[in-house]
Amino acid sequence: MNIVEIGKMNEDQARDYLETIRWPNGPVCPHCQCQNVTRLQGEAHRTGAIQCNNAECRQQFTVTVGSVMESSHIPLVKWAMAWHLLCSSKRGMSATQLQRNLRLGSYRTAWLMAHRIRIAMEGKPLQESMSGVVEGDNNSK
């Protein structure tokens, strides 16, 4: 999918797109990894809500839970575009460029999005990437 196609999406289409990327074989509960889930519909539920049917879990979640997009108020279309721009640009992209291209309200928002995406691209969870032993080499010239 290219940036033009992503830009033409509405929020529901962007959610479906992100769900197919995250869960190619259907939704999986991020809390207990159960595949027995139900999509919640109606005005009483938030858009895209899914509930785990595991009797011990019964948690509700969306595609963003457990991802770098969790707890973000940024529209999913802008997240999908940011992912595409940062992953497809040969030399990377600055937060200022991202802010301009996505018409984000502030530099800080663009920086946080880019930072979260880069952490996800490392392939390590945030907590894991911020802990451990650090070693240095004093023999550098």
C-alpha atoms as a PDB file:
ATOM      1  CA  MET A   1       0.000   0.000   0.000  1.00  0.00           C
ATOM      2  CA  ASN A   2       1.332   3.444  -0.848  1.00  0.00           C
ATOM      3  CA  ILE A   3       0.983   6.795   0.905  1.00  0.00           C
ATOM      4  CA  VAL A   4      -1.756   8.002  -1.461  1.00  0.00           C
ATOM      5  CA  GLU A   5      -3.943   4.986  -0.675  1.00  0.00           C
ATOM      6  CA  ILE A   6      -3.357   5.431   3.048  1.00  0.00           C
ATOM      7  CA  GLY A   7      -4.204   9.137   2.789  1.00  0.00           C
ATOM      8  CA  LYS A   8      -7.591   8.346   1.219  1.00  0.00           C
ATOM      9  CA  MET A   9      -8.608   6.073   4.107  1.00  0.00           C
ATOM     10  CA  ASN A  10     -11.119   6.963   6.783  1.00  0.00           C
ATOM     11  CA  GLU A  11     -10.619   5.889  10.425  1.00  0.00           C
ATOM     12  CA  ASP A  12     -12.491   2.583  10.021  1.00  0.00           C
ATOM     13  CA  GLN A  13     -10.451   1.638   6.957  1.00  0.00           C
ATOM     14  CA  ALA A  14      -7.223   2.590   8.749  1.00  0.00           C
ATOM     15  CA  ARG A  15      -8.239   0.446  11.745  1.00  0.00           C
ATOM     16  CA  ASP A  16      -8.980  -2.510   9.444  1.00  0.00           C
ATOM     17  CA  TYR A  17      -5.630  -2.000   7.682  1.00  0.00           C
ATOM     18  CA  LEU A  18      -3.708  -1.930  10.975  1.00  0.00           C
ATOM     19  CA  GLU A  19      -5.623  -4.994  12.221  1.00  0.00           C
ATOM     20  CA  THR A  20      -4.657  -7.013   9.133  1.00  0.00           C
ATOM     21  CA  ILE A  21      -1.010  -6.044   9.644  1.00  0.00           C
ATOM     22  CA  ARG A  22      -0.996  -6.811  13.378  1.00  0.00           C
ATOM     23  CA  TRP A  23      -3.229  -9.902  13.268  1.00  0.00           C
ATOM     24  CA  PRO A  24      -3.072 -11.595   9.833  1.00  0.00           C
ATOM     25  CA  ASN A  25      -5.040 -14.593  11.190  1.00  0.00           C
ATOM     26  CA  GLY A  26      -7.635 -12.549  13.099  1.00  0.00           C
ATOM     27  CA  PRO A  27      -7.585 -10.625  16.391  1.00  0.00           C
ATOM     28  CA  VAL A  28      -5.653 -12.027  19.355  1.00  0.00           C
ATOM     29  CA  CYS A  29      -6.135 -10.784  22.912  1.00  0.00           C
ATOM     30  CA  PRO A  30      -2.977  -8.856  23.931  1.00  0.00           C
ATOM     31  CA  HIS A  31      -3.617  -9.758  27.581  1.00  0.00           C
ATOM     32  CA  CYS A  32      -3.864 -13.576  27.358  1.00  0.00           C
ATOM     33  CA  GLN A  33      -3.126 -14.369  23.650  1.00  0.00           C
ATOM     34  CA  CYS A  34      -6.558 -16.019  23.240  1.00  0.00           C
ATOM     35  CA  GLN A  35      -7.976 -16.052  19.696  1.00  0.00           C
ATOM     36  CA  ASN A  36     -11.564 -16.585  20.870  1.00  0.00           C
ATOM     37  CA  VAL A  37     -12.758 -12.970  20.697  1.00  0.00           C
ATOM     38  CA  THR A  38     -15.927 -11.036  19.830  1.00  0.00           C
ATOM     39  CA  ARG A  39     -16.196  -7.661  18.121  1.00  0.00           C
ATOM     40  CA  LEU A  40     -18.289  -5.268  20.193  1.00  0.00           C
ATOM     41  CA  GLN A  41     -20.721  -3.160  18.211  1.00  0.00           C
ATOM     42  CA  GLY A  42     -23.285  -0.507  18.933  1.00  0.00           C
ATOM     43  CA  GLU A  43     -23.185   2.955  20.388  1.00  0.00           C
ATOM     44  CA  ALA A  44     -22.414   1.682  23.894  1.00  0.00           C
ATOM     45  CA  HIS A  45     -18.940   0.539  22.803  1.00  0.00           C
ATOM     46  CA  ARG A  46     -16.005   2.494  21.443  1.00  0.00           C
ATOM     47  CA  THR A  47     -15.246   2.029  17.772  1.00  0.00           C
ATOM     48  CA  GLY A  48     -13.120  -1.025  17.029  1.00  0.00           C
ATOM     49  CA  ALA A  49     -13.558  -2.568  20.482  1.00  0.00           C
ATOM     50  CA  ILE A  50     -12.990  -6.312  20.774  1.00  0.00           C
ATOM     51  CA  GLN A  51     -13.646  -8.490  23.833  1.00  0.00           C
ATOM     52  CA  CYS A  52     -11.777 -11.617  24.829  1.00  0.00           C
ATOM     53  CA  ASN A  53     -14.061 -14.617  25.451  1.00  0.00           C
ATOM     54  CA  ASN A  54     -11.595 -16.375  27.769  1.00  0.00           C
ATOM     55  CA  ALA A  55     -13.445 -16.786  31.096  1.00  0.00           C
ATOM     56  CA  GLU A  56     -10.344 -15.783  33.080  1.00  0.00           C
ATOM     57  CA  CYS A  57      -9.599 -12.677  30.995  1.00  0.00           C
ATOM     58  CA  ARG A  58     -12.738 -11.049  29.491  1.00  0.00           C
ATOM     59  CA  GLN A  59     -10.685  -7.895  28.740  1.00  0.00           C
ATOM     60  CA  GLN A  60     -11.682  -5.387  26.082  1.00  0.00           C
ATOM     61  CA  PHE A  61      -9.051  -4.124  23.645  1.00  0.00           C
ATOM     62  CA  THR A  62      -8.472  -2.466  20.281  1.00  0.00           C
ATOM     63  CA  VAL A  63      -5.724  -2.755  17.687  1.00  0.00           C
ATOM     64  CA  THR A  64      -3.691  -0.092  19.488  1.00  0.00           C
ATOM     65  CA  VAL A  65      -3.517  -1.866  22.887  1.00  0.00           C
ATOM     66  CA  GLY A  66      -0.001  -3.101  23.580  1.00  0.00           C
ATOM     67  CA  SER A  67       1.450  -1.130  20.682  1.00  0.00           C
ATOM     68  CA  VAL A  68       3.273   2.185  20.383  1.00  0.00           C
ATOM     69  CA  MET A  69      -0.071   3.741  19.387  1.00  0.00           C
ATOM     70  CA  GLU A  70      -1.686   2.902  22.743  1.00  0.00           C
ATOM     71  CA  SER A  71      -3.150   5.851  24.700  1.00  0.00           C
ATOM     72  CA  SER A  72      -2.759   8.154  21.714  1.00  0.00           C
ATOM     73  CA  HIS A  73      -5.411  10.591  20.538  1.00  0.00           C
ATOM     74  CA  ILE A  74      -3.805  10.894  17.113  1.00  0.00           C
ATOM     75  CA  PRO A  75      -6.057   9.525  14.343  1.00  0.00           C
ATOM     76  CA  LEU A  76      -5.104   6.062  13.067  1.00  0.00           C
ATOM     77  CA  VAL A  77      -4.823   7.401   9.512  1.00  0.00           C
ATOM     78  CA  LYS A  78      -2.024   9.722  10.631  1.00  0.00           C
ATOM     79  CA  TRP A  79      -0.337   6.864  12.494  1.00  0.00           C
ATOM     80  CA  ALA A  80      -0.495   4.669   9.377  1.00  0.00           C
ATOM     81  CA  MET A  81       0.926   7.495   7.250  1.00  0.00           C
ATOM     82  CA  ALA A  82       3.710   8.145   9.776  1.00  0.00           C
ATOM     83  CA  TRP A  83       4.629   4.442   9.790  1.00  0.00           C
ATOM     84  CA  HIS A  84       4.769   4.430   6.006  1.00  0.00           C
ATOM     85  CA  LEU A  85       6.817   7.633   5.766  1.00  0.00           C
ATOM     86  CA  LEU A  86       9.369   6.609   8.399  1.00  0.00           C
ATOM     87  CA  CYS A  87       9.749   3.045   7.122  1.00  0.00           C
ATOM     88  CA  SER A  88       9.979   3.889   3.428  1.00  0.00           C
ATOM     89  CA  SER A  89      12.240   6.942   3.480  1.00  0.00           C
ATOM     90  CA  LYS A  90      15.792   5.983   2.602  1.00  0.00           C
ATOM     91  CA  ARG A  91      17.556   8.466   4.874  1.00  0.00           C
ATOM     92  CA  GLY A  92      14.967   8.736   7.622  1.00  0.00           C
ATOM     93  CA  MET A  93      12.730  11.665   8.371  1.00  0.00           C
ATOM     94  CA  SER A  94      12.973  14.430  10.920  1.00  0.00           C
ATOM     95  CA  ALA A  95      10.138  15.264  13.274  1.00  0.00           C
ATOM     96  CA  THR A  96       9.829  18.655  11.562  1.00  0.00           C
ATOM     97  CA  GLN A  97       9.303  16.977   8.188  1.00  0.00           C
ATOM     98  CA  LEU A  98       6.787  14.591   9.732  1.00  0.00           C
ATOM     99  CA  GLN A  99       4.923  17.514  11.309  1.00  0.00           C
ATOM    100  CA  ARG A 100       4.739  19.299   7.960  1.00  0.00           C
ATOM    101  CA  ASN A 101       3.768  16.226   5.920  1.00  0.00           C
ATOM    102  CA  LEU A 102       1.029  15.054   8.295  1.00  0.00           C
ATOM    103  CA  ARG A 103      -0.116  18.562   9.273  1.00  0.00           C
ATOM    104  CA  LEU A 104       0.301  17.789  12.953  1.00  0.00           C
ATOM    105  CA  GLY A 105      -0.432  20.502  15.488  1.00  0.00           C
ATOM    106  CA  SER A 106       2.964  20.594  17.137  1.00  0.00           C
ATOM    107  CA  TYR A 107       6.566  19.535  16.767  1.00  0.00           C
ATOM    108  CA  ARG A 108       6.293  17.649  20.071  1.00  0.00           C
ATOM    109  CA  THR A 109       3.509  15.422  18.697  1.00  0.00           C
ATOM    110  CA  ALA A 110       5.574  14.632  15.597  1.00  0.00           C
ATOM    111  CA  TRP A 111       8.659  13.933  17.696  1.00  0.00           C
ATOM    112  CA  LEU A 112       6.770  11.571  20.028  1.00  0.00           C
ATOM    113  CA  MET A 113       5.247   9.692  17.072  1.00  0.00           C
ATOM    114  CA  ALA A 114       8.625   9.316  15.366  1.00  0.00           C
ATOM    115  CA  HIS A 115      10.269   8.278  18.640  1.00  0.00           C
ATOM    116  CA  ARG A 116       7.654   5.604  19.349  1.00  0.00           C
ATOM    117  CA  ILE A 117       7.863   4.252  15.799  1.00  0.00           C
ATOM    118  CA  ARG A 118      11.667   4.074  15.972  1.00  0.00           C
ATOM    119  CA  ILE A 119      11.454   2.148  19.255  1.00  0.00           C
ATOM    120  CA  ALA A 120       9.036  -0.297  17.621  1.00  0.00           C
ATOM    121  CA  MET A 121      11.369  -0.658  14.631  1.00  0.00           C
ATOM    122  CA  GLU A 122      14.144  -1.788  17.004  1.00  0.00           C
ATOM    123  CA  GLY A 123      12.005  -4.818  17.744  1.00  0.00           C
ATOM    124  CA  LYS A 124      12.268  -4.514  21.519  1.00  0.00           C
ATOM    125  CA  PRO A 125       9.542  -3.572  24.001  1.00  0.00           C
ATOM    126  CA  LEU A 126      10.005  -0.118  25.523  1.00  0.00           C
ATOM    127  CA  GLN A 127      10.791  -1.432  29.018  1.00  0.00           C
ATOM    128  CA  GLU A 128      13.339  -3.911  27.675  1.00  0.00           C
ATOM    129  CA  SER A 129      15.106  -1.242  25.624  1.00  0.00           C
ATOM    130  CA  MET A 130      15.448   0.983  28.694  1.00  0.00           C
ATOM    131  CA  SER A 131      17.103  -1.560  31.004  1.00  0.00           C
ATOM    132  CA  GLY A 132      20.137  -3.814  31.171  1.00  0.00           C
ATOM    133  CA  VAL A 133      23.880  -3.493  31.523  1.00  0.00           C
ATOM    134  CA  VAL A 134      25.705  -0.851  29.511  1.00  0.00           C
ATOM    135  CA  GLU A 135      29.374  -1.416  28.705  1.00  0.00           C
ATOM    136  CA  GLY A 136      31.858   1.067  27.345  1.00  0.00           C
ATOM    137  CA  ASP A 137      35.242   0.736  25.678  1.00  0.00           C
ATOM    138  CA  ASN A 138      37.935   3.079  27.002  1.00  0.00           C
ATOM    139  CA  ASN A 139      40.412   2.143  24.267  1.00  0.00           C
ATOM    140  CA  SER A 140      38.852   4.260  21.533  1.00  0.00           C
ATOM    141  CA  LYS A 141      41.054   6.824  19.793  1.00  0.00           C
END
